[in-house]
Amino acid sequence: MKAKKSGFTLVEILIVVVILGILAAIVIPQFTSASTEAKENSLKSDLHSMRSQISLYKIKNDDLPPSTLSDLVPDYIREIPVNP
C-alpha cells in the first residue's frame, strides 16, 4: 500500500501565483494614483497657506510682500515648503 503524500501540486502553485499577479496588477496602479493625489493635495495646501501669509503681510505692513519668501520665514511661516 502506498503512503499518501500531502502537499501542493505544481498546478495549484501556478494558479496561486497567477492570482497573486492579477491582484498585484490591480492594486499597484491604485496605490500609485493615491500617492500622486496625496502629493497634489499637499502642494495645494502649501500654496493656500503661502497665499494666506502673503495676504497677512500685506495687511499688517500696508505694503507689497517681499520679493523672496525667505523674508516671510521668521514672522509668517515656519519654513519655505518644498515641492513633494
N, C-alpha and C. Protein backbone atom coordinates (compact mmCIF):
# COMPACT_ATOMS: atom_id res chain seq x y z
N MET A 1 0.82 -1.16 0.00
CA MET A 1 0.00 0.00 0.00
C MET A 1 0.88 1.25 0.00
N LYS A 2 0.55 2.20 -0.86
CA LYS A 2 1.32 3.44 -0.98
C LYS A 2 0.93 4.42 0.11
N ALA A 3 1.92 5.06 0.66
CA ALA A 3 1.64 6.11 1.65
C ALA A 3 1.19 7.37 0.92
N LYS A 4 0.14 8.01 1.44
CA LYS A 4 -0.38 9.22 0.80
C LYS A 4 0.51 10.40 1.16
N LYS A 5 1.02 11.09 0.14
CA LYS A 5 1.86 12.26 0.37
C LYS A 5 0.98 13.50 0.32
N SER A 6 1.16 14.34 1.32
CA SER A 6 0.39 15.59 1.30
C SER A 6 1.31 16.71 0.80
N GLY A 7 0.71 17.68 0.15
CA GLY A 7 1.47 18.80 -0.39
C GLY A 7 0.71 19.43 -1.54
N PHE A 8 1.30 20.45 -2.09
CA PHE A 8 0.68 21.15 -3.21
C PHE A 8 1.26 20.64 -4.52
N THR A 9 0.40 20.57 -5.52
CA THR A 9 0.89 20.19 -6.84
C THR A 9 1.39 21.43 -7.56
N LEU A 10 2.11 21.22 -8.62
CA LEU A 10 2.65 22.33 -9.41
C LEU A 10 1.52 23.18 -9.97
N VAL A 11 0.45 22.56 -10.39
CA VAL A 11 -0.69 23.29 -10.95
C VAL A 11 -1.31 24.21 -9.90
N GLU A 12 -1.46 23.72 -8.68
CA GLU A 12 -2.04 24.54 -7.61
C GLU A 12 -1.15 25.74 -7.31
N ILE A 13 0.13 25.53 -7.27
CA ILE A 13 1.06 26.63 -7.01
C ILE A 13 1.01 27.65 -8.14
N LEU A 14 0.96 27.19 -9.38
CA LEU A 14 0.88 28.11 -10.52
C LEU A 14 -0.40 28.93 -10.48
N ILE A 15 -1.51 28.30 -10.11
CA ILE A 15 -2.78 29.03 -10.01
C ILE A 15 -2.69 30.14 -8.96
N VAL A 16 -2.10 29.83 -7.83
CA VAL A 16 -1.94 30.84 -6.77
C VAL A 16 -1.04 31.98 -7.24
N VAL A 17 0.04 31.66 -7.93
CA VAL A 17 0.95 32.70 -8.43
C VAL A 17 0.24 33.59 -9.45
N VAL A 18 -0.55 33.01 -10.32
CA VAL A 18 -1.29 33.80 -11.31
C VAL A 18 -2.30 34.71 -10.62
N ILE A 19 -3.01 34.20 -9.64
CA ILE A 19 -3.99 35.02 -8.90
C ILE A 19 -3.29 36.17 -8.19
N LEU A 20 -2.16 35.91 -7.56
CA LEU A 20 -1.41 36.97 -6.89
C LEU A 20 -0.91 38.02 -7.90
N GLY A 21 -0.51 37.58 -9.06
CA GLY A 21 -0.08 38.51 -10.11
C GLY A 21 -1.21 39.41 -10.57
N ILE A 22 -2.39 38.83 -10.73
CA ILE A 22 -3.57 39.61 -11.15
C ILE A 22 -3.92 40.63 -10.06
N LEU A 23 -3.92 40.21 -8.82
CA LEU A 23 -4.23 41.13 -7.71
C LEU A 23 -3.20 42.26 -7.64
N ALA A 24 -1.93 41.94 -7.83
CA ALA A 24 -0.89 42.97 -7.81
C ALA A 24 -1.08 43.95 -8.96
N ALA A 25 -1.47 43.45 -10.12
CA ALA A 25 -1.69 44.32 -11.27
C ALA A 25 -2.86 45.27 -11.04
N ILE A 26 -3.80 44.88 -10.22
CA ILE A 26 -4.96 45.74 -9.91
C ILE A 26 -4.60 46.75 -8.82
N VAL A 27 -3.90 46.32 -7.79
CA VAL A 27 -3.65 47.15 -6.61
C VAL A 27 -2.56 48.19 -6.83
N ILE A 28 -1.48 47.84 -7.49
CA ILE A 28 -0.33 48.75 -7.61
C ILE A 28 -0.69 50.06 -8.32
N PRO A 29 -1.42 50.06 -9.44
CA PRO A 29 -1.79 51.35 -10.05
C PRO A 29 -2.67 52.21 -9.14
N GLN A 30 -3.53 51.60 -8.36
CA GLN A 30 -4.37 52.37 -7.44
C GLN A 30 -3.53 53.01 -6.35
N PHE A 31 -2.54 52.31 -5.86
CA PHE A 31 -1.64 52.85 -4.84
C PHE A 31 -0.85 54.02 -5.40
N THR A 32 -0.35 53.88 -6.62
CA THR A 32 0.40 54.96 -7.26
C THR A 32 -0.47 56.18 -7.45
N SER A 33 -1.71 55.97 -7.86
CA SER A 33 -2.65 57.08 -8.04
C SER A 33 -2.92 57.78 -6.72
N ALA A 34 -3.10 57.02 -5.66
CA ALA A 34 -3.37 57.61 -4.34
C ALA A 34 -2.16 58.40 -3.86
N SER A 35 -0.98 57.92 -4.12
CA SER A 35 0.24 58.62 -3.72
C SER A 35 0.36 59.94 -4.47
N THR A 36 0.08 59.94 -5.75
CA THR A 36 0.13 61.16 -6.55
C THR A 36 -0.91 62.15 -6.07
N GLU A 37 -2.10 61.67 -5.78
CA GLU A 37 -3.17 62.54 -5.30
C GLU A 37 -2.80 63.16 -3.94
N ALA A 38 -2.16 62.41 -3.09
CA ALA A 38 -1.74 62.93 -1.79
C ALA A 38 -0.70 64.03 -1.96
N LYS A 39 0.23 63.85 -2.88
CA LYS A 39 1.23 64.88 -3.15
C LYS A 39 0.58 66.15 -3.69
N GLU A 40 -0.40 65.98 -4.59
CA GLU A 40 -1.10 67.14 -5.14
C GLU A 40 -1.85 67.89 -4.04
N ASN A 41 -2.51 67.17 -3.16
CA ASN A 41 -3.24 67.81 -2.07
C ASN A 41 -2.29 68.53 -1.12
N SER A 42 -1.14 67.96 -0.87
CA SER A 42 -0.15 68.61 -0.01
C SER A 42 0.34 69.90 -0.64
N LEU A 43 0.60 69.87 -1.93
CA LEU A 43 1.05 71.06 -2.65
C LEU A 43 -0.02 72.14 -2.64
N LYS A 44 -1.28 71.76 -2.86
CA LYS A 44 -2.38 72.73 -2.83
C LYS A 44 -2.50 73.37 -1.45
N SER A 45 -2.34 72.58 -0.42
CA SER A 45 -2.41 73.10 0.94
C SER A 45 -1.28 74.09 1.21
N ASP A 46 -0.08 73.75 0.77
CA ASP A 46 1.06 74.65 0.96
C ASP A 46 0.84 75.97 0.21
N LEU A 47 0.33 75.88 -1.01
CA LEU A 47 0.07 77.11 -1.78
C LEU A 47 -0.99 77.97 -1.11
N HIS A 48 -2.02 77.34 -0.60
CA HIS A 48 -3.07 78.09 0.10
C HIS A 48 -2.49 78.79 1.33
N SER A 49 -1.66 78.10 2.06
CA SER A 49 -1.02 78.68 3.24
C SER A 49 -0.13 79.86 2.85
N MET A 50 0.63 79.71 1.79
CA MET A 50 1.51 80.80 1.35
C MET A 50 0.69 82.03 0.94
N ARG A 51 -0.40 81.81 0.22
CA ARG A 51 -1.26 82.94 -0.17
C ARG A 51 -1.82 83.65 1.05
N SER A 52 -2.23 82.88 2.03
CA SER A 52 -2.78 83.47 3.26
C SER A 52 -1.73 84.31 3.98
N GLN A 53 -0.52 83.79 4.08
CA GLN A 53 0.53 84.52 4.79
C GLN A 53 0.97 85.77 4.03
N ILE A 54 0.97 85.70 2.72
CA ILE A 54 1.30 86.89 1.91
C ILE A 54 0.22 87.95 2.09
N SER A 55 -1.04 87.53 2.12
CA SER A 55 -2.13 88.48 2.36
C SER A 55 -2.01 89.10 3.75
N LEU A 56 -1.67 88.30 4.73
CA LEU A 56 -1.48 88.81 6.08
C LEU A 56 -0.34 89.84 6.12
N TYR A 57 0.72 89.58 5.40
CA TYR A 57 1.84 90.52 5.33
C TYR A 57 1.36 91.85 4.74
N LYS A 58 0.58 91.78 3.65
CA LYS A 58 0.06 93.00 3.02
C LYS A 58 -0.77 93.82 4.00
N ILE A 59 -1.61 93.14 4.76
CA ILE A 59 -2.49 93.83 5.70
C ILE A 59 -1.69 94.47 6.83
N LYS A 60 -0.78 93.74 7.41
CA LYS A 60 -0.02 94.25 8.56
C LYS A 60 0.95 95.36 8.18
N ASN A 61 1.55 95.26 7.01
CA ASN A 61 2.59 96.21 6.63
C ASN A 61 2.12 97.27 5.65
N ASP A 62 0.90 97.15 5.19
CA ASP A 62 0.34 98.09 4.21
C ASP A 62 1.32 98.30 3.05
N ASP A 63 1.87 97.21 2.60
CA ASP A 63 2.88 97.26 1.56
C ASP A 63 2.85 95.93 0.79
N LEU A 64 3.49 95.94 -0.35
CA LEU A 64 3.60 94.70 -1.12
C LEU A 64 4.48 93.71 -0.37
N PRO A 65 4.25 92.43 -0.57
CA PRO A 65 5.09 91.44 0.12
C PRO A 65 6.51 91.46 -0.45
N PRO A 66 7.44 90.92 0.28
CA PRO A 66 8.82 90.88 -0.22
C PRO A 66 8.93 90.02 -1.47
N SER A 67 9.97 90.27 -2.21
CA SER A 67 10.15 89.53 -3.46
C SER A 67 10.63 88.10 -3.23
N THR A 68 11.19 87.83 -2.07
CA THR A 68 11.63 86.46 -1.76
C THR A 68 10.87 85.93 -0.55
N LEU A 69 10.62 84.66 -0.55
CA LEU A 69 9.89 84.04 0.55
C LEU A 69 10.72 84.00 1.83
N SER A 70 12.01 84.06 1.70
CA SER A 70 12.86 83.97 2.90
C SER A 70 12.60 85.13 3.86
N ASP A 71 12.11 86.26 3.35
CA ASP A 71 11.77 87.39 4.23
C ASP A 71 10.53 87.10 5.08
N LEU A 72 9.71 86.17 4.64
CA LEU A 72 8.50 85.83 5.38
C LEU A 72 8.74 84.76 6.46
N VAL A 73 9.85 84.07 6.35
CA VAL A 73 10.07 82.89 7.20
C VAL A 73 10.02 83.17 8.70
N PRO A 74 10.73 84.12 9.22
CA PRO A 74 10.74 84.21 10.69
C PRO A 74 9.39 84.60 11.29
N ASP A 75 8.64 85.47 10.64
CA ASP A 75 7.42 86.01 11.25
C ASP A 75 6.13 85.38 10.76
N TYR A 76 6.09 84.92 9.54
CA TYR A 76 4.82 84.49 8.96
C TYR A 76 4.72 83.00 8.68
N ILE A 77 5.81 82.38 8.31
CA ILE A 77 5.80 80.94 8.06
C ILE A 77 7.01 80.31 8.77
N ARG A 78 6.87 79.05 9.15
CA ARG A 78 7.97 78.37 9.85
C ARG A 78 9.14 78.08 8.91
N GLU A 79 8.80 77.60 7.71
CA GLU A 79 9.83 77.27 6.74
C GLU A 79 9.24 77.34 5.34
N ILE A 80 10.08 77.49 4.37
CA ILE A 80 9.62 77.52 2.99
C ILE A 80 9.28 76.08 2.58
N PRO A 81 8.05 75.85 2.13
CA PRO A 81 7.67 74.47 1.76
C PRO A 81 8.42 74.01 0.51
N VAL A 82 8.64 72.72 0.44
CA VAL A 82 9.28 72.13 -0.73
C VAL A 82 8.24 71.34 -1.53
N ASN A 83 8.47 71.24 -2.80
CA ASN A 83 7.56 70.50 -3.67
C ASN A 83 7.69 69.01 -3.36
N PRO A 84 6.56 68.36 -3.01
CA PRO A 84 6.65 66.93 -2.68
C PRO A 84 6.94 66.13 -3.91
